[in-house]
Amino acid sequence: MTDIKSMTTEELRKLMEELGEKPFRGGQIYSWLHSRLAVSWEDMTDLSKALREKLRKYPITSLETAGEQVSALDGTRKYLFRLADGNVIESVLMRYKHGNSVCISSQAGCRMGCRFCASAIGGRIRNLAASEMLDQIYRIQTLTGERVSNVVVMGTGEPLDNYDQLLRFIRILTGEGGLQISQRNVTVSTCGLVPQIYRLAEEKLQITLAISLHAPNDEKRRMLMPIARKYSMEEVLEACRSYFEKTGRRITFEYSLVAGVNDGEEDARELGEKLRGLNCHVNLIPVNPIKERDFRRSDRIVVQKFKINLEKYVRNVTLRREMGSDIDGACGQLRRSYLDRS
């Protein structure tokens, strides 16, 4: 079935010609979908009734809100959206002084199996279409009446495991005629699919690439992340060096601190030695406990000591500000709770 909301302007122009219409109608439809955020053909009042009748056979992707949680601490809003086939995904709106940031999902479920992540429980059901990724942002803008200025593809799923739709999503999100969010305000997070990192570097995008590292060596990384059995840390880091050389974009490394597992002084030293000389930023994240796992978050003093030790090797180290800690804030938790209830 033709997915109208995943189509580029050029593809829509071609479709209009096939329907016997003037090509410029494709540009009008694109604007309605991606700038004015229309959810039905009836909204598109500058299209003739005859054309709208022709277009009825093409459904417009529009997500249904299945749940919402609002943090009493900082106003973070977590949404559960239902897809047309009944699957559910989650998205998060975080408000900062510099603007609103939305974290979106790229798959329904995830097959990467990271042991501290609720998203991986139950595996991957399917990839999301570009339209379903975009509509998470569009629904949140519509529901709140507030503009989104930053997008993070870091919710449920592994974005680079859905490569083609991810690229289509980025092009539409950042291109002319839509929301035109700057590529520099888009972050894509991956657990380290090495071939796709090299492929992404060739796209010459100006997005931020975030790598989920979570360990200072292969042995500990394999324990936490099954993908590490396929690609070693050195292979991942070499791909990151290549990415920086091709794009000039600094790499972000995500590091979830798990008490007694990867948060020791020796862990910080070993991680620092591996990252020394690489143009990067390390984002430390106290792990979010989930009931299906027995991981505990590191003590605050331990976290601060880890940060100080790592800063001896890496210039840019930050401790992620916790958002929505009083709701199902971790990736996959709200979706998991819904599926358990269902």
Protein backbone atom coordinates (compact mmCIF):
# COMPACT_ATOMS: atom_id res chain seq x y z
CA MET A 1 0.00 0.00 0.00
CA THR A 2 1.30 3.49 -0.85
CA ASP A 3 2.45 5.31 2.31
CA ILE A 4 1.71 8.93 1.43
CA LYS A 5 3.35 10.45 4.52
CA SER A 6 6.64 8.62 3.86
CA MET A 7 6.91 10.04 0.32
CA THR A 8 9.24 12.85 -0.73
CA THR A 9 8.01 15.91 -2.63
CA GLU A 10 9.37 14.44 -5.87
CA GLU A 11 7.58 11.14 -5.28
CA LEU A 12 4.31 12.96 -4.57
CA ARG A 13 4.69 15.04 -7.74
CA LYS A 14 5.15 11.84 -9.73
CA LEU A 15 2.08 10.28 -8.07
CA MET A 16 0.01 13.33 -9.02
CA GLU A 17 1.06 12.93 -12.67
CA GLU A 18 0.05 9.27 -12.55
CA LEU A 19 -3.36 10.36 -11.25
CA GLY A 20 -3.71 12.81 -14.13
CA GLU A 21 -3.16 15.86 -11.92
CA LYS A 22 -0.74 18.79 -12.14
CA PRO A 23 2.62 17.95 -10.46
CA PHE A 24 2.49 21.03 -8.19
CA ARG A 25 -0.34 19.36 -6.29
CA GLY A 26 2.31 17.03 -4.85
CA GLY A 27 4.02 20.01 -3.23
CA GLN A 28 0.72 21.18 -1.77
CA ILE A 29 0.05 17.76 -0.25
CA TYR A 30 3.58 17.58 1.14
CA SER A 31 3.11 20.95 2.84
CA TRP A 32 -0.24 19.89 4.33
CA LEU A 33 1.26 16.67 5.71
CA HIS A 34 4.61 17.91 7.01
CA SER A 35 4.16 21.60 7.76
CA ARG A 36 0.49 22.05 8.56
CA LEU A 37 0.27 18.54 10.02
CA ALA A 38 -3.03 17.58 8.42
CA VAL A 39 -4.45 14.19 9.40
CA SER A 40 -7.17 13.82 6.74
CA TRP A 41 -7.76 14.68 3.10
CA GLU A 42 -10.71 16.84 4.13
CA ASP A 43 -8.29 19.18 5.92
CA MET A 44 -6.63 20.02 2.60
CA THR A 45 -9.09 22.68 1.55
CA ASP A 46 -7.10 24.00 -1.43
CA LEU A 47 -7.39 20.64 -3.19
CA SER A 48 -10.45 20.06 -5.38
CA LYS A 49 -13.16 17.70 -4.15
CA ALA A 50 -12.46 15.48 -7.15
CA LEU A 51 -8.79 15.13 -6.24
CA ARG A 52 -9.60 14.49 -2.60
CA GLU A 53 -11.95 11.75 -3.74
CA LYS A 54 -9.13 10.15 -5.76
CA LEU A 55 -6.85 10.31 -2.74
CA ARG A 56 -9.21 8.60 -0.29
CA LYS A 57 -7.73 5.20 -1.19
CA TYR A 58 -4.43 6.35 0.33
CA PRO A 59 -4.64 6.33 4.14
CA ILE A 60 -2.74 9.05 6.01
CA THR A 61 -0.63 7.73 8.88
CA SER A 62 -1.94 9.25 12.11
CA LEU A 63 -1.05 7.77 15.48
CA GLU A 64 -3.63 7.29 18.21
CA THR A 65 -2.76 8.33 21.75
CA ALA A 66 -3.09 5.22 23.94
CA GLY A 67 -1.61 6.63 27.13
CA GLU A 68 0.16 9.62 28.63
CA GLN A 69 2.18 10.24 31.77
CA VAL A 70 3.25 13.68 33.02
CA SER A 71 6.09 14.18 35.48
CA ALA A 72 5.18 16.29 38.50
CA LEU A 73 8.89 17.09 38.89
CA ASP A 74 9.82 18.65 35.55
CA GLY A 75 6.84 18.46 33.18
CA THR A 76 8.33 15.66 31.06
CA ARG A 77 5.52 13.97 29.12
CA LYS A 78 5.68 10.35 28.04
CA TYR A 79 3.27 9.20 25.34
CA LEU A 80 2.12 5.76 24.33
CA PHE A 81 0.97 5.74 20.69
CA ARG A 82 -1.05 3.01 18.99
CA LEU A 83 -0.18 2.16 15.38
CA ALA A 84 -2.74 1.22 12.72
CA ASP A 85 -1.98 -2.50 13.21
CA GLY A 86 -2.53 -2.33 16.99
CA ASN A 87 1.14 -2.29 18.00
CA VAL A 88 2.18 0.36 20.52
CA ILE A 89 5.27 2.57 20.71
CA GLU A 90 6.39 5.29 23.08
CA SER A 91 7.75 8.82 22.75
CA VAL A 92 8.93 11.40 25.27
CA LEU A 93 8.72 15.21 25.32
CA MET A 94 11.38 16.92 27.45
CA ARG A 95 11.33 20.66 28.00
CA TYR A 96 14.64 22.49 28.29
CA LYS A 97 15.59 26.18 28.37
CA HIS A 98 17.00 25.85 24.84
CA GLY A 99 13.76 24.32 23.49
CA ASN A 100 11.62 21.20 23.40
CA SER A 101 13.26 17.85 22.71
CA VAL A 102 11.36 14.74 21.62
CA CYS A 103 12.73 11.20 21.92
CA ILE A 104 11.09 8.86 19.42
CA SER A 105 10.99 5.13 18.70
CA SER A 106 12.24 3.61 15.45
CA GLN A 107 10.87 0.07 15.88
CA ALA A 108 8.06 -1.72 17.68
CA GLY A 109 10.22 -3.70 20.09
CA CYS A 110 13.93 -4.34 19.60
CA ARG A 111 16.05 -7.39 18.79
CA MET A 112 19.38 -6.09 20.17
CA GLY A 113 18.78 -7.62 23.61
CA CYS A 114 20.68 -5.11 25.80
CA ARG A 115 20.20 -6.49 29.30
CA PHE A 116 19.42 -3.21 31.10
CA CYS A 117 16.79 -2.05 28.57
CA ALA A 118 13.05 -2.76 28.79
CA SER A 119 12.70 -2.18 25.02
CA ALA A 120 14.41 -5.47 24.24
CA ILE A 121 12.08 -7.63 26.34
CA GLY A 122 9.86 -9.50 23.89
CA GLY A 123 12.11 -8.80 20.89
CA ARG A 124 11.40 -6.82 17.74
CA ILE A 125 7.92 -6.98 16.24
CA ARG A 126 8.57 -4.80 13.19
CA ASN A 127 10.29 -1.71 11.83
CA LEU A 128 8.46 1.60 11.80
CA ALA A 129 7.83 3.42 8.54
CA ALA A 130 9.27 6.91 8.18
CA SER A 131 5.71 8.23 8.49
CA GLU A 132 5.27 6.52 11.87
CA MET A 133 8.53 8.02 13.11
CA LEU A 134 7.56 11.48 11.88
CA ASP A 135 4.05 11.31 13.27
CA GLN A 136 5.33 10.84 16.83
CA ILE A 137 6.75 14.36 16.55
CA TYR A 138 3.70 15.71 14.72
CA ARG A 139 1.25 14.32 17.30
CA ILE A 140 3.26 15.78 20.20
CA GLN A 141 3.39 19.20 18.53
CA THR A 142 -0.36 19.04 17.90
CA LEU A 143 -1.20 17.82 21.41
CA THR A 144 0.93 20.42 23.19
CA GLY A 145 0.71 23.31 20.74
CA GLU A 146 4.46 23.73 21.20
CA ARG A 147 7.21 23.54 18.59
CA VAL A 148 9.77 20.74 18.76
CA SER A 149 13.32 21.95 18.09
CA ASN A 150 15.40 18.84 18.92
CA VAL A 151 14.79 15.19 18.03
CA VAL A 152 16.52 12.16 19.50
CA VAL A 153 16.03 8.73 17.90
CA MET A 154 16.74 6.87 21.11
CA GLY A 155 13.43 5.33 22.14
CA THR A 156 12.34 1.76 21.50
CA GLY A 157 14.33 0.04 18.75
CA GLU A 158 17.75 0.19 17.08
CA PRO A 159 17.60 2.99 14.45
CA LEU A 160 20.40 1.59 12.27
CA ASP A 161 18.54 -1.74 12.14
CA ASN A 162 15.86 0.23 10.27
CA TYR A 163 18.35 2.11 8.10
CA ASP A 164 16.39 3.00 4.96
CA GLN A 165 13.33 4.30 6.80
CA LEU A 166 15.56 6.19 9.23
CA LEU A 167 17.25 8.01 6.33
CA ARG A 168 13.89 8.82 4.74
CA PHE A 169 12.67 10.13 8.11
CA ILE A 170 15.72 12.40 8.54
CA ARG A 171 15.48 13.80 5.01
CA ILE A 172 11.79 14.70 5.43
CA LEU A 173 12.19 16.05 8.97
CA THR A 174 15.11 18.33 8.08
CA GLY A 175 14.33 19.18 4.44
CA GLU A 176 12.39 22.05 2.93
CA GLY A 177 8.61 22.06 3.12
CA GLY A 178 8.28 20.33 6.50
CA LEU A 179 9.26 21.23 10.06
CA GLN A 180 12.78 21.99 8.78
CA ILE A 181 14.47 20.99 12.05
CA SER A 182 18.22 21.47 11.67
CA GLN A 183 20.19 18.25 11.14
CA ARG A 184 22.50 19.47 13.92
CA ASN A 185 19.51 19.18 16.25
CA VAL A 186 18.92 15.51 15.40
CA THR A 187 20.65 12.72 17.35
CA VAL A 188 20.61 9.06 16.30
CA SER A 189 21.60 6.50 18.93
CA THR A 190 22.97 3.06 18.05
CA CYS A 191 24.31 0.14 20.06
CA GLY A 192 27.10 -0.13 17.48
CA LEU A 193 26.12 -1.72 14.15
CA VAL A 194 29.53 -1.22 12.54
CA PRO A 195 28.68 -1.63 8.80
CA GLN A 196 25.79 0.82 9.13
CA ILE A 197 28.00 3.39 10.90
CA TYR A 198 30.37 3.36 7.90
CA ARG A 199 27.38 3.59 5.56
CA LEU A 200 25.88 6.49 7.52
CA ALA A 201 29.18 8.40 7.30
CA GLU A 202 28.88 8.37 3.52
CA GLU A 203 25.51 10.15 3.70
CA LYS A 204 27.37 13.31 4.80
CA LEU A 205 24.62 14.26 7.23
CA GLN A 206 25.22 16.79 10.01
CA ILE A 207 23.36 14.82 12.66
CA THR A 208 24.89 13.74 15.98
CA LEU A 209 25.74 10.06 16.23
CA ALA A 210 25.46 8.60 19.73
CA ILE A 211 27.03 5.23 20.49
CA SER A 212 25.75 3.12 23.38
CA LEU A 213 29.06 1.90 24.81
CA HIS A 214 28.22 1.04 28.44
CA ALA A 215 31.47 -0.84 29.17
CA PRO A 216 35.24 -0.23 29.17
CA ASN A 217 36.18 -3.55 27.53
CA ASP A 218 34.79 -6.35 25.37
CA GLU A 219 34.30 -8.79 28.23
CA LYS A 220 31.96 -6.51 30.18
CA ARG A 221 30.29 -5.19 27.04
CA ARG A 222 29.42 -8.73 25.90
CA MET A 223 27.79 -9.33 29.28
CA LEU A 224 25.59 -6.23 28.92
CA MET A 225 25.09 -6.05 25.15
CA PRO A 226 24.78 -9.11 22.86
CA ILE A 227 25.82 -7.01 19.82
CA ALA A 228 29.33 -6.92 21.34
CA ARG A 229 29.72 -10.60 20.44
CA LYS A 230 29.57 -9.57 16.79
CA TYR A 231 31.53 -6.31 16.83
CA SER A 232 34.43 -5.64 19.19
CA MET A 233 34.93 -2.29 20.91
CA GLU A 234 37.94 -1.61 18.70
CA GLU A 235 35.82 -2.21 15.58
CA VAL A 236 33.17 0.17 16.92
CA LEU A 237 35.74 2.85 17.82
CA GLU A 238 37.46 2.55 14.45
CA ALA A 239 34.09 3.10 12.75
CA CYS A 240 33.59 6.16 14.97
CA ARG A 241 36.97 7.59 13.97
CA SER A 242 36.01 7.12 10.32
CA TYR A 243 32.63 8.76 10.94
CA PHE A 244 34.30 11.83 12.44
CA GLU A 245 36.81 12.04 9.56
CA LYS A 246 34.00 11.89 6.97
CA THR A 247 31.51 14.23 8.66
CA GLY A 248 33.47 16.41 11.10
CA ARG A 249 30.76 15.65 13.67
CA ARG A 250 31.87 14.83 17.21
CA ILE A 251 30.74 11.43 18.48
CA THR A 252 28.71 11.07 21.68
CA PHE A 253 29.23 7.95 23.79
CA GLU A 254 26.41 6.90 26.09
CA TYR A 255 27.59 5.07 29.22
CA SER A 256 25.01 3.64 31.63
CA LEU A 257 26.52 3.17 35.08
CA VAL A 258 25.52 -0.11 36.73
CA ALA A 259 26.47 -0.56 40.39
CA GLY A 260 29.34 -3.00 40.84
CA VAL A 261 29.48 -3.85 37.13
CA ASN A 262 31.06 -1.00 35.16
CA ASP A 263 31.41 1.93 37.58
CA GLY A 264 34.79 1.30 39.25
CA GLU A 265 37.93 3.44 39.13
CA GLU A 266 39.62 0.85 36.93
CA ASP A 267 36.63 0.94 34.56
CA ALA A 268 36.98 4.72 34.24
CA ARG A 269 40.72 4.44 33.59
CA GLU A 270 40.31 1.69 30.99
CA LEU A 271 37.50 3.56 29.22
CA GLY A 272 39.54 6.75 29.23
CA GLU A 273 42.57 5.02 27.69
CA LYS A 274 40.40 3.67 24.87
CA LEU A 275 38.79 7.04 24.11
CA ARG A 276 41.92 9.18 24.50
CA GLY A 277 42.56 11.27 21.38
CA LEU A 278 39.09 10.69 19.91
CA ASN A 279 36.98 13.83 19.38
CA CYS A 280 34.05 12.79 21.55
CA HIS A 281 31.67 13.59 24.34
CA VAL A 282 30.82 11.02 27.03
CA ASN A 283 27.34 11.14 28.54
CA LEU A 284 27.16 9.27 31.85
CA ILE A 285 23.74 7.82 32.70
CA PRO A 286 22.86 6.24 36.07
CA VAL A 287 21.00 3.13 34.89
CA ASN A 288 17.21 3.07 35.23
CA PRO A 289 16.30 -0.10 37.18
CA ILE A 290 13.65 -2.29 35.54
CA LYS A 291 11.77 -5.03 37.36
CA GLU A 292 12.82 -7.74 34.89
CA ARG A 293 16.52 -7.24 35.74
CA ASP A 294 18.48 -7.02 38.99
CA PHE A 295 20.75 -4.14 37.94
CA ARG A 296 21.08 -1.28 40.42
CA ARG A 297 22.09 2.29 39.71
CA SER A 298 25.45 3.48 40.98
CA ASP A 299 25.69 5.57 44.13
CA ARG A 300 25.96 9.33 43.55
CA ILE A 301 29.45 9.51 45.08
CA VAL A 302 30.59 6.61 42.86
CA VAL A 303 29.19 8.39 39.80
CA GLN A 304 31.02 11.63 40.62
CA LYS A 305 34.28 9.76 41.22
CA PHE A 306 33.89 7.93 37.89
CA LYS A 307 33.34 11.27 36.13
CA ILE A 308 36.41 12.86 37.73
CA ASN A 309 38.60 9.87 36.82
CA LEU A 310 37.33 9.79 33.22
CA GLU A 311 37.96 13.52 32.80
CA LYS A 312 41.68 12.83 33.15
CA TYR A 313 41.49 11.29 29.65
CA VAL A 314 38.40 12.80 27.97
CA ARG A 315 37.72 16.54 27.96
CA ASN A 316 33.94 16.47 27.53
CA VAL A 317 32.18 14.35 30.16
CA THR A 318 28.68 15.14 31.39
CA LEU A 319 26.23 13.51 33.75
CA ARG A 320 22.84 13.26 32.08
CA ARG A 321 20.19 15.30 33.81
CA GLU A 322 17.40 12.97 34.87
CA MET A 323 14.04 13.78 33.33
CA GLY A 324 10.73 12.20 34.27
CA SER A 325 12.19 10.08 37.08
CA ASP A 326 8.77 9.87 38.78
CA ILE A 327 7.13 8.24 35.72
CA ASP A 328 8.03 5.25 33.49
CA GLY A 329 11.01 7.25 32.24
CA ALA A 330 13.39 4.58 30.93
CA CYS A 331 13.27 3.37 27.33
CA GLY A 332 10.51 0.81 26.88
CA GLN A 333 9.07 1.01 30.41
CA LEU A 334 5.70 2.58 29.57
CA ARG A 335 5.22 0.28 26.58
CA ARG A 336 6.23 -2.72 28.72
CA SER A 337 3.74 -1.77 31.45
CA TYR A 338 0.97 -1.47 28.84
CA LEU A 339 1.80 -4.86 27.29
CA ASP A 340 1.89 -6.51 30.73
CA ARG A 341 -1.55 -5.10 31.55
CA SER A 342 -2.90 -6.15 28.17
